[in-house]
Amino acid sequence: MSTPKRLHVVQKASVIGQAEGMRVTIRGLGLRGPGSEVTVDNTPSFRGAIKKVLHLVTVREVDAAASKPASKASKAS
């Protein structure tokens, strides 16, 4: 049984000068600016969002087991 695939997305260009829909899509993917990276599930909804802003991002397929979960651990005071 093969492991499910995920998509590693890196924002390569700014959203300055882009249509508002593209800005919202970039933000919805979890990207925050050029150089930011996220790993998302390989689902039709994410693929459609990536297709909309493909000229602003680079995408590569990774194994789910190899990708790091995007967890933010807060420090206990």
C-alpha atoms as a PDB file:
ATOM      1  CA  MET A   1       0.000   0.000   0.000  1.00  0.00           C
ATOM      2  CA  SER A   2       1.497   3.332  -1.017  1.00  0.00           C
ATOM      3  CA  THR A   3       1.619   6.363   1.232  1.00  0.00           C
ATOM      4  CA  PRO A   4      -0.656   9.273   0.354  1.00  0.00           C
ATOM      5  CA  LYS A   5       0.979  12.225  -1.376  1.00  0.00           C
ATOM      6  CA  ARG A   6       1.033  15.832  -0.218  1.00  0.00           C
ATOM      7  CA  LEU A   7       1.972  19.005  -2.060  1.00  0.00           C
ATOM      8  CA  HIS A   8       4.817  21.251  -0.915  1.00  0.00           C
ATOM      9  CA  VAL A   9       4.017  24.806  -2.060  1.00  0.00           C
ATOM     10  CA  VAL A  10       6.512  27.697  -1.995  1.00  0.00           C
ATOM     11  CA  GLN A  11       5.478  31.267  -2.806  1.00  0.00           C
ATOM     12  CA  LYS A  12       7.976  32.692  -5.285  1.00  0.00           C
ATOM     13  CA  ALA A  13       6.388  36.064  -6.132  1.00  0.00           C
ATOM     14  CA  SER A  14       4.564  38.853  -4.337  1.00  0.00           C
ATOM     15  CA  VAL A  15       0.828  39.438  -4.588  1.00  0.00           C
ATOM     16  CA  ILE A  16       1.338  43.189  -5.014  1.00  0.00           C
ATOM     17  CA  GLY A  17      -0.482  44.205  -8.176  1.00  0.00           C
ATOM     18  CA  GLN A  18      -2.451  40.959  -8.384  1.00  0.00           C
ATOM     19  CA  ALA A  19      -6.232  40.670  -8.345  1.00  0.00           C
ATOM     20  CA  GLU A  20      -7.916  40.411  -4.945  1.00  0.00           C
ATOM     21  CA  GLY A  21      -9.002  36.826  -5.675  1.00  0.00           C
ATOM     22  CA  MET A  22      -5.392  35.744  -6.048  1.00  0.00           C
ATOM     23  CA  ARG A  23      -4.438  37.473  -2.793  1.00  0.00           C
ATOM     24  CA  VAL A  24      -7.234  35.641  -0.987  1.00  0.00           C
ATOM     25  CA  THR A  25      -6.210  32.322  -2.555  1.00  0.00           C
ATOM     26  CA  ILE A  26      -2.564  32.739  -1.507  1.00  0.00           C
ATOM     27  CA  ARG A  27      -3.665  33.594   2.042  1.00  0.00           C
ATOM     28  CA  GLY A  28      -6.080  30.634   2.040  1.00  0.00           C
ATOM     29  CA  LEU A  29      -3.253  28.264   1.158  1.00  0.00           C
ATOM     30  CA  GLY A  30      -1.438  29.519   4.257  1.00  0.00           C
ATOM     31  CA  LEU A  31       1.269  31.451   2.431  1.00  0.00           C
ATOM     32  CA  ARG A  32       2.381  34.766   3.924  1.00  0.00           C
ATOM     33  CA  GLY A  33       4.797  36.221   1.378  1.00  0.00           C
ATOM     34  CA  PRO A  34       7.586  35.350  -1.048  1.00  0.00           C
ATOM     35  CA  GLY A  35       9.715  32.535   0.335  1.00  0.00           C
ATOM     36  CA  SER A  36       7.023  31.131   2.640  1.00  0.00           C
ATOM     37  CA  GLU A  37       6.292  27.411   2.403  1.00  0.00           C
ATOM     38  CA  VAL A  38       3.396  25.115   3.280  1.00  0.00           C
ATOM     39  CA  THR A  39       2.626  21.442   2.821  1.00  0.00           C
ATOM     40  CA  VAL A  40      -1.010  20.702   2.000  1.00  0.00           C
ATOM     41  CA  ASP A  41      -3.052  17.609   1.201  1.00  0.00           C
ATOM     42  CA  ASN A  42      -3.270  16.575  -2.436  1.00  0.00           C
ATOM     43  CA  THR A  43      -7.028  17.094  -2.810  1.00  0.00           C
ATOM     44  CA  PRO A  44      -9.035  18.544  -5.697  1.00  0.00           C
ATOM     45  CA  SER A  45      -9.791  21.713  -3.722  1.00  0.00           C
ATOM     46  CA  PHE A  46      -6.121  22.447  -2.976  1.00  0.00           C
ATOM     47  CA  ARG A  47      -5.090  21.565  -6.545  1.00  0.00           C
ATOM     48  CA  GLY A  48      -7.703  24.014  -7.875  1.00  0.00           C
ATOM     49  CA  ALA A  49      -6.469  26.796  -5.581  1.00  0.00           C
ATOM     50  CA  ILE A  50      -2.865  26.148  -6.626  1.00  0.00           C
ATOM     51  CA  LYS A  51      -3.839  26.168 -10.301  1.00  0.00           C
ATOM     52  CA  LYS A  52      -5.352  29.636  -9.845  1.00  0.00           C
ATOM     53  CA  VAL A  53      -2.043  31.076  -8.569  1.00  0.00           C
ATOM     54  CA  LEU A  54       0.413  28.762 -10.327  1.00  0.00           C
ATOM     55  CA  HIS A  55       2.390  31.711 -11.699  1.00  0.00           C
ATOM     56  CA  LEU A  56       3.091  32.879  -8.115  1.00  0.00           C
ATOM     57  CA  VAL A  57       4.127  29.544  -6.561  1.00  0.00           C
ATOM     58  CA  THR A  58       6.251  26.461  -7.130  1.00  0.00           C
ATOM     59  CA  VAL A  59       4.833  23.036  -6.280  1.00  0.00           C
ATOM     60  CA  ARG A  60       6.338  19.623  -5.719  1.00  0.00           C
ATOM     61  CA  GLU A  61       4.802  16.367  -4.596  1.00  0.00           C
ATOM     62  CA  VAL A  62       6.114  14.783  -1.378  1.00  0.00           C
ATOM     63  CA  ASP A  63       5.256  11.676   0.626  1.00  0.00           C
ATOM     64  CA  ALA A  64       2.980  12.319   3.579  1.00  0.00           C
ATOM     65  CA  ALA A  65       5.336  10.371   5.844  1.00  0.00           C
ATOM     66  CA  ALA A  66       8.315  12.507   4.781  1.00  0.00           C
ATOM     67  CA  SER A  67       6.552  15.852   5.187  1.00  0.00           C
ATOM     68  CA  LYS A  68       6.720  17.632   8.511  1.00  0.00           C
ATOM     69  CA  PRO A  69       3.421  18.574  10.136  1.00  0.00           C
ATOM     70  CA  ALA A  70       2.974  22.325  10.482  1.00  0.00           C
ATOM     71  CA  SER A  71       2.510  22.457  14.217  1.00  0.00           C
ATOM     72  CA  LYS A  72       3.130  25.539  16.284  1.00  0.00           C
ATOM     73  CA  ALA A  73       4.118  24.622  19.794  1.00  0.00           C
ATOM     74  CA  SER A  74       3.715  27.427  22.256  1.00  0.00           C
ATOM     75  CA  LYS A  75       6.199  27.865  25.059  1.00  0.00           C
ATOM     76  CA  ALA A  76       4.893  27.340  28.547  1.00  0.00           C
ATOM     77  CA  SER A  77       5.734  30.185  30.882  1.00  0.00           C
END
